[in-house]
Structure formats: structure tokens, C-alpha cells
Amino acid sequence: MNASKINVPLYIQIANSIVERIQSGELSVGDRLRSERSLSEDLAVSRMTIRQALQTLEEQGLIERQQGRGSFISKPKVGSASITRAKPLSCGTAGTAAR
């Protein structure tokens, strides 16, 4: 296992993999991602892990999720970083402030 991924949660690793596919042009605006079930089976992880990864991408504005239709690569929002400049997600400690 890659030493840099040891402490990174699996859902973040999956989300980063999707971000890399967007940045490389493999996925573009409007493309539909595979279903949660398909992703979970292919990656041998639970659907909950896939849901967390997709929720993280949705919160970042990189995908839109539509019930019954699937998850789609979003158009960049006005005033936000474009998809090609999106930074990979990191595993920070949310809610802690520097003292």
C-alpha cells in the first residue's frame, strides 16, 4: 500500500480518483458516473463508502446528484474554481481551530 494513502479515508481516495479523472479529461461536464452499486462492486467497498465519496464531490460542486437518474459531472459554478483547477481533497481535521 502506498504510504501516502495510509491515513487517508477510503472515501476521500475514491473522491480524489474521480477528481483526477475529471482533471485528465476522461470525464467531462454532463457525463454520468456509474451507479453506486456498480462502483461499490468494482472497487470492493460498501455503497455507504461510495455515497460518502459522492457526497463529498457534490459538496465541492463537482457533481450533481439526481434521485433516480444518477450522478453527473457539474458545470463549473460562476466565481468558483473550474474543474480543471480543482484540488484533490485532503483529510483534514474538521472543526478544529489553530490556537
Protein backbone atom coordinates (compact mmCIF):
# COMPACT_ATOMS: atom_id res chain seq x y z
CA MET A 1 0.00 0.00 0.00
CA ASN A 2 1.21 3.49 -0.82
CA ALA A 3 2.50 5.15 2.36
CA SER A 4 0.82 8.46 1.47
CA LYS A 5 -2.62 6.78 1.46
CA ILE A 6 -2.34 5.01 4.81
CA ASN A 7 -4.12 7.72 6.82
CA VAL A 8 -6.47 8.94 4.08
CA PRO A 9 -10.01 7.58 4.41
CA LEU A 10 -11.14 5.35 1.58
CA TYR A 11 -14.00 7.64 0.55
CA ILE A 12 -11.52 10.51 0.11
CA GLN A 13 -9.26 8.28 -2.00
CA ILE A 14 -12.25 7.39 -4.20
CA ALA A 15 -13.33 11.04 -4.48
CA ASN A 16 -9.77 12.02 -5.41
CA SER A 17 -9.74 9.33 -8.09
CA ILE A 18 -12.86 10.85 -9.64
CA VAL A 19 -11.35 14.36 -9.41
CA GLU A 20 -8.26 13.07 -11.25
CA ARG A 21 -10.50 11.60 -13.98
CA ILE A 22 -12.19 15.00 -14.36
CA GLN A 23 -8.87 16.84 -14.50
CA SER A 24 -7.47 14.43 -17.09
CA GLY A 25 -10.48 14.94 -19.36
CA GLU A 26 -11.61 11.33 -19.03
CA LEU A 27 -14.84 12.72 -17.51
CA SER A 28 -16.35 15.98 -18.70
CA VAL A 29 -19.33 18.20 -17.89
CA GLY A 30 -22.58 16.32 -18.24
CA ASP A 31 -21.03 12.85 -18.11
CA ARG A 32 -22.90 10.39 -15.93
CA LEU A 33 -20.96 8.45 -13.33
CA ARG A 34 -21.60 4.74 -12.95
CA SER A 35 -24.20 3.71 -10.39
CA GLU A 36 -23.36 3.45 -6.69
CA ARG A 37 -23.85 -0.30 -6.90
CA SER A 38 -21.54 -0.67 -9.89
CA LEU A 39 -18.84 1.48 -8.29
CA SER A 40 -19.09 -0.38 -4.98
CA GLU A 41 -18.82 -3.77 -6.68
CA ASP A 42 -15.91 -2.75 -8.90
CA LEU A 43 -13.98 -1.13 -6.04
CA ALA A 44 -14.94 -3.81 -3.48
CA VAL A 45 -16.22 -1.25 -0.97
CA SER A 46 -19.62 -0.69 0.61
CA ARG A 47 -22.22 1.52 -1.03
CA MET A 48 -22.01 3.77 2.04
CA THR A 49 -18.35 4.46 1.20
CA ILE A 50 -19.32 5.34 -2.37
CA ARG A 51 -22.14 7.57 -1.09
CA GLN A 52 -19.68 9.43 1.15
CA ALA A 53 -17.31 9.97 -1.79
CA LEU A 54 -20.14 11.25 -4.00
CA GLN A 55 -21.48 13.49 -1.22
CA THR A 56 -18.02 15.00 -0.82
CA LEU A 57 -17.83 15.72 -4.56
CA GLU A 58 -21.33 17.19 -4.51
CA GLU A 59 -20.41 19.49 -1.61
CA GLN A 60 -17.40 20.66 -3.64
CA GLY A 61 -19.69 21.43 -6.58
CA LEU A 62 -18.00 18.90 -8.85
CA ILE A 63 -21.02 16.65 -9.38
CA GLU A 64 -24.79 16.91 -9.25
CA ARG A 65 -26.83 14.02 -7.91
CA GLN A 66 -30.34 13.44 -9.21
CA GLN A 67 -32.52 10.88 -7.49
CA GLY A 68 -33.48 8.12 -9.88
CA ARG A 69 -31.17 9.39 -12.63
CA GLY A 70 -27.65 9.25 -11.23
CA SER A 71 -24.65 11.50 -10.60
CA PHE A 72 -23.39 13.85 -13.28
CA ILE A 73 -20.27 15.98 -13.69
CA SER A 74 -21.30 19.60 -12.98
CA LYS A 75 -20.66 22.75 -14.91
CA PRO A 76 -18.24 24.97 -13.01
CA LYS A 77 -20.13 27.47 -10.87
CA VAL A 78 -19.66 31.20 -11.51
CA GLY A 79 -16.98 32.53 -9.20
CA SER A 80 -15.66 29.10 -8.26
CA ALA A 81 -12.55 27.29 -9.39
CA SER A 82 -13.01 25.46 -12.67
CA ILE A 83 -13.00 21.69 -12.66
CA THR A 84 -9.62 21.61 -14.35
CA ARG A 85 -8.19 23.57 -11.40
CA ALA A 86 -9.93 21.57 -8.66
CA LYS A 87 -7.55 20.44 -5.98
CA PRO A 88 -7.59 16.88 -4.71
CA LEU A 89 -9.41 16.55 -1.43
CA SER A 90 -7.48 16.14 1.77
CA CYS A 91 -8.28 14.52 5.06
CA GLY A 92 -8.18 17.43 7.48
CA THR A 93 -9.50 17.70 10.97
CA ALA A 94 -12.78 19.48 10.56
CA GLY A 95 -13.91 21.70 13.35
CA THR A 96 -10.52 22.26 14.92
CA ALA A 97 -9.10 25.73 15.10
CA ALA A 98 -5.50 26.77 15.35
CA ARG A 99 -4.66 28.06 18.79
